[in-house]
């Protein structure tokens, strides 16, 4: 339990313990539970954004726009209903997503260790990745707090939810929506996790500084790439 707390407030101590004993079960449970709670708390603003912003976004879809007016409305209503149903189950996503992300991160870090002179095996990087997921789950609670302060009605489109946390997209207001999506994914929590992974690789696995930071930054940028791809695939109405 001490390592779980220290990953947030004293990461150097947490890294030292992981290097000696790569425990992970309790950390994974806490990351998933906290993540699921944060998603449940976020659900009202997600539903509001879908209800208010999704109709116009779907109407701009060329495949829907060419339909007769009454058929357009039926198709839009059908797709919104599906999205709302999926939204009701998003709190379950951390159960599957967090272990998958941690597993991929651990594999990438292991490769970095082979390149950068590391001396630890996969299970150590898996433990590190799982503990860093806790920071991401806590970041979800931070997003919930910001939504609570700003109010659910402050977010009128699904794309706006990506900007809840302070992020690099704030530096390009009004910029191309794909670029804004890319930069918005690089928020304070993502940067925090990036730093934890970089310092963790150096402390836990003795990975060289250049290899550790390059790997951590590339994993962070991957989030932005996925966000940009998602934005490019959606009709842009603003």
Protein backbone atom coordinates (compact mmCIF):
# COMPACT_ATOMS: atom_id res chain seq x y z
CA UNK A 1 0.00 0.00 0.00
CA UNK A 2 2.90 2.34 0.72
CA UNK A 3 4.16 2.00 -2.85
CA UNK A 4 0.69 2.86 -4.18
CA UNK A 5 0.66 6.11 -2.21
CA UNK A 6 4.26 6.92 -2.93
CA UNK A 7 3.82 6.67 -6.70
CA UNK A 8 1.71 9.83 -6.28
CA UNK A 9 3.62 11.73 -3.61
CA UNK A 10 7.12 10.20 -3.39
CA UNK A 11 7.76 8.37 -6.67
CA UNK A 12 11.48 7.88 -6.00
CA UNK A 13 10.65 5.73 -2.97
CA UNK A 14 8.02 3.85 -4.98
CA UNK A 15 10.51 3.12 -7.74
CA UNK A 16 13.02 1.76 -5.23
CA UNK A 17 10.44 -0.69 -3.86
CA UNK A 18 9.33 -1.79 -7.32
CA UNK A 19 12.96 -2.48 -8.24
CA UNK A 20 13.25 -4.81 -5.27
CA UNK A 21 9.72 -6.29 -5.22
CA UNK A 22 7.57 -5.81 -8.34
CA UNK A 23 4.18 -6.23 -6.67
CA UNK A 24 1.18 -5.23 -8.80
CA UNK A 25 -2.11 -6.95 -7.85
CA UNK A 26 -3.35 -4.39 -5.32
CA UNK A 27 -2.13 -1.52 -7.49
CA UNK A 28 -4.10 -2.83 -10.46
CA UNK A 29 -7.24 -3.29 -8.37
CA UNK A 30 -7.01 0.27 -7.04
CA UNK A 31 -6.29 1.72 -10.48
CA UNK A 32 -9.33 -0.06 -11.95
CA UNK A 33 -11.67 0.80 -9.07
CA UNK A 34 -10.67 4.47 -8.97
CA UNK A 35 -10.81 4.62 -12.77
CA UNK A 36 -14.31 3.13 -12.84
CA UNK A 37 -15.51 5.56 -10.16
CA UNK A 38 -14.11 8.52 -12.11
CA UNK A 39 -15.87 7.35 -15.28
CA UNK A 40 -19.17 6.92 -13.41
CA UNK A 41 -18.86 10.47 -12.07
CA UNK A 42 -18.09 11.69 -15.60
CA UNK A 43 -21.13 9.97 -17.11
CA UNK A 44 -23.60 12.88 -16.74
CA UNK A 45 -21.40 15.31 -18.69
CA UNK A 46 -20.70 12.65 -21.31
CA UNK A 47 -24.42 12.07 -21.84
CA UNK A 48 -25.10 15.80 -21.99
CA UNK A 49 -22.39 16.28 -24.60
CA UNK A 50 -23.75 13.42 -26.68
CA UNK A 51 -27.32 14.70 -26.49
CA UNK A 52 -26.47 18.29 -27.40
CA UNK A 53 -23.56 17.96 -29.79
CA UNK A 54 -23.90 14.62 -31.52
CA UNK A 55 -27.01 15.41 -33.64
CA UNK A 56 -25.26 18.22 -35.54
CA UNK A 57 -22.10 16.15 -35.88
CA UNK A 58 -24.03 13.23 -37.34
CA UNK A 59 -26.07 15.49 -39.62
CA UNK A 60 -22.79 16.69 -41.15
CA UNK A 61 -21.86 13.14 -42.07
CA UNK A 62 -22.10 12.88 -45.88
CA UNK A 63 -23.68 9.43 -45.68
CA UNK A 64 -26.49 10.80 -43.53
CA UNK A 65 -26.77 14.22 -45.18
CA UNK A 66 -27.82 12.67 -48.51
CA UNK A 67 -30.79 10.85 -46.94
CA UNK A 68 -34.34 12.25 -47.02
CA UNK A 69 -35.11 14.49 -44.05
CA UNK A 70 -37.32 12.02 -42.17
CA UNK A 71 -34.82 9.20 -42.74
CA UNK A 72 -32.02 11.46 -41.52
CA UNK A 73 -33.80 12.03 -38.24
CA UNK A 74 -34.47 8.33 -37.75
CA UNK A 75 -30.85 7.45 -38.49
CA UNK A 76 -29.53 10.16 -36.17
CA UNK A 77 -31.90 9.08 -33.38
CA UNK A 78 -30.85 5.46 -33.84
CA UNK A 79 -27.15 6.27 -33.67
CA UNK A 80 -27.56 8.53 -30.65
CA UNK A 81 -29.46 5.76 -28.89
CA UNK A 82 -26.59 3.36 -29.54
CA UNK A 83 -24.05 5.89 -28.27
CA UNK A 84 -26.07 6.51 -25.11
CA UNK A 85 -26.34 2.78 -24.47
CA UNK A 86 -22.59 2.37 -24.86
CA UNK A 87 -22.03 5.36 -22.55
CA UNK A 88 -23.93 3.58 -19.78
CA UNK A 89 -21.29 0.88 -19.75
CA UNK A 90 -18.17 3.05 -20.04
CA UNK A 91 -17.49 2.61 -16.34
CA UNK A 92 -16.58 -0.99 -17.16
CA UNK A 93 -13.91 0.05 -19.67
CA UNK A 94 -11.11 0.50 -17.08
CA UNK A 95 -11.42 -3.19 -16.17
CA UNK A 96 -10.17 -4.11 -19.63
CA UNK A 97 -8.38 -1.01 -20.86
CA UNK A 98 -6.01 -0.38 -17.96
CA UNK A 99 -4.43 -3.87 -17.93
CA UNK A 100 -4.05 -3.80 -21.73
CA UNK A 101 -2.40 -0.36 -21.67
CA UNK A 102 -0.10 -1.42 -18.83
CA UNK A 103 0.86 -4.61 -20.66
CA UNK A 104 1.72 -2.71 -23.84
CA UNK A 105 3.67 -0.08 -21.92
CA UNK A 106 5.63 -2.77 -20.08
CA UNK A 107 6.52 -4.44 -23.36
CA UNK A 108 7.66 -1.15 -24.87
CA UNK A 109 9.73 -0.39 -21.77
CA UNK A 110 11.31 -3.83 -21.92
CA UNK A 111 12.40 -3.12 -25.50
CA UNK A 112 13.79 0.23 -24.35
CA UNK A 113 15.66 -1.57 -21.58
CA UNK A 114 17.27 -3.92 -24.08
CA UNK A 115 18.34 -0.93 -26.14
CA UNK A 116 19.26 1.34 -23.25
CA UNK A 117 21.23 -1.05 -21.06
CA UNK A 118 18.49 -1.91 -18.57
CA UNK A 119 18.86 -4.77 -16.12
CA UNK A 120 15.29 -5.78 -15.25
CA UNK A 121 12.76 -8.16 -16.82
CA UNK A 122 9.19 -7.69 -18.00
CA UNK A 123 7.57 -8.20 -14.59
CA UNK A 124 9.35 -5.14 -13.19
CA UNK A 125 8.18 -2.90 -16.00
CA UNK A 126 4.68 -4.37 -15.72
CA UNK A 127 4.62 -3.42 -12.04
CA UNK A 128 5.86 0.08 -12.91
CA UNK A 129 3.23 0.50 -15.63
CA UNK A 130 0.42 -0.68 -13.35
CA UNK A 131 1.43 1.75 -10.62
CA UNK A 132 1.58 4.62 -13.12
CA UNK A 133 -1.99 3.76 -14.15
CA UNK A 134 -3.01 4.86 -10.65
CA UNK A 135 -1.89 8.38 -11.52
CA UNK A 136 -4.10 8.26 -14.60
CA UNK A 137 -7.10 7.13 -12.54
CA UNK A 138 -6.50 9.93 -10.04
CA UNK A 139 -6.33 12.27 -13.01
CA UNK A 140 -9.83 11.10 -13.90
CA UNK A 141 -11.02 12.28 -10.50
CA UNK A 142 -9.37 15.64 -11.18
CA UNK A 143 -11.35 15.88 -14.42
CA UNK A 144 -14.51 15.09 -12.46
CA UNK A 145 -13.74 17.91 -10.03
CA UNK A 146 -13.22 20.37 -12.89
CA UNK A 147 -16.53 19.36 -14.48
CA UNK A 148 -18.24 19.81 -11.11
CA UNK A 149 -16.83 23.33 -10.79
CA UNK A 150 -17.64 24.35 -14.37
CA UNK A 151 -20.99 22.60 -14.57
CA UNK A 152 -22.21 19.82 -16.84
CA UNK A 153 -23.82 22.29 -19.25
CA UNK A 154 -20.43 23.82 -20.03
CA UNK A 155 -19.66 20.96 -22.42
CA UNK A 156 -21.96 20.84 -25.44
CA UNK A 157 -20.06 18.50 -27.75
CA UNK A 158 -18.18 15.21 -27.27
CA UNK A 159 -14.96 16.76 -28.55
CA UNK A 160 -15.00 19.33 -25.77
CA UNK A 161 -14.62 16.61 -23.15
CA UNK A 162 -11.03 16.11 -24.25
CA UNK A 163 -10.27 19.66 -23.11
CA UNK A 164 -11.49 19.28 -19.52
CA UNK A 165 -7.95 18.98 -18.17
CA UNK A 166 -5.37 21.69 -18.93
CA UNK A 167 -3.61 20.66 -22.11
CA UNK A 168 -1.34 21.82 -24.92
CA UNK A 169 -4.32 22.45 -27.18
CA UNK A 170 -4.88 25.67 -25.24
CA UNK A 171 -1.91 27.14 -27.11
CA UNK A 172 -3.62 26.85 -30.51
CA UNK A 173 -7.14 28.21 -30.02
CA UNK A 174 -9.09 28.08 -33.25
CA UNK A 175 -6.44 25.93 -34.93
CA UNK A 176 -7.11 22.98 -37.25
CA UNK A 177 -9.33 20.55 -35.35
CA UNK A 178 -7.01 17.59 -35.95
CA UNK A 179 -4.05 19.52 -34.53
CA UNK A 180 -6.13 20.72 -31.59
CA UNK A 181 -7.24 17.13 -30.90
CA UNK A 182 -3.63 15.95 -31.00
CA UNK A 183 -2.44 18.62 -28.58
CA UNK A 184 -5.49 18.37 -26.33
CA UNK A 185 -4.66 14.73 -25.66
CA UNK A 186 -1.35 15.92 -24.19
CA UNK A 187 -2.81 17.10 -20.90
CA UNK A 188 -1.31 17.59 -17.45
CA UNK A 189 -2.10 14.05 -16.35
CA UNK A 190 -0.56 12.57 -19.49
CA UNK A 191 2.57 14.66 -18.95
CA UNK A 192 2.68 13.53 -15.31
CA UNK A 193 2.46 9.88 -16.35
CA UNK A 194 5.11 10.46 -19.02
CA UNK A 195 7.52 11.78 -16.40
CA UNK A 196 6.73 8.90 -14.03
CA UNK A 197 7.43 6.36 -16.75
CA UNK A 198 10.69 8.03 -17.76
CA UNK A 199 12.04 8.38 -14.23
CA UNK A 200 10.65 4.95 -13.38
CA UNK A 201 12.49 3.27 -16.24
CA UNK A 202 15.72 4.85 -15.08
CA UNK A 203 15.21 3.97 -11.41
CA UNK A 204 13.55 0.55 -11.70
CA UNK A 205 15.29 -0.84 -14.76
CA UNK A 206 18.45 1.26 -14.95
CA UNK A 207 17.50 2.27 -18.48
CA UNK A 208 19.68 5.04 -19.88
CA UNK A 209 18.27 8.56 -19.65
CA UNK A 210 18.01 9.11 -23.45
CA UNK A 211 16.27 5.75 -24.00
CA UNK A 212 13.92 6.28 -21.05
CA UNK A 213 12.79 9.77 -22.04
CA UNK A 214 12.54 8.92 -25.73
CA UNK A 215 10.37 5.92 -24.95
CA UNK A 216 8.12 7.78 -22.49
CA UNK A 217 7.63 10.71 -24.87
CA UNK A 218 6.82 8.41 -27.78
CA UNK A 219 4.18 6.65 -25.69
CA UNK A 220 2.70 10.04 -24.78
CA UNK A 221 2.66 11.19 -28.39
CA UNK A 222 0.87 7.99 -29.33
CA UNK A 223 -2.12 9.23 -27.34
CA UNK A 224 -2.15 12.39 -29.41
CA UNK A 225 -1.93 10.42 -32.64
CA UNK A 226 -4.97 8.32 -31.71
CA UNK A 227 -6.88 11.47 -30.77
CA UNK A 228 -5.96 13.11 -34.06
CA UNK A 229 -7.02 10.04 -36.03
CA UNK A 230 -10.35 10.05 -34.21
CA UNK A 231 -10.87 13.74 -34.92
CA UNK A 232 -10.00 13.31 -38.61
CA UNK A 233 -12.56 10.51 -38.92
CA UNK A 234 -15.38 12.68 -37.58
CA UNK A 235 -17.24 15.44 -39.44
CA UNK A 236 -16.13 18.85 -38.22
CA UNK A 237 -18.95 21.31 -37.60
CA UNK A 238 -17.06 24.20 -36.07
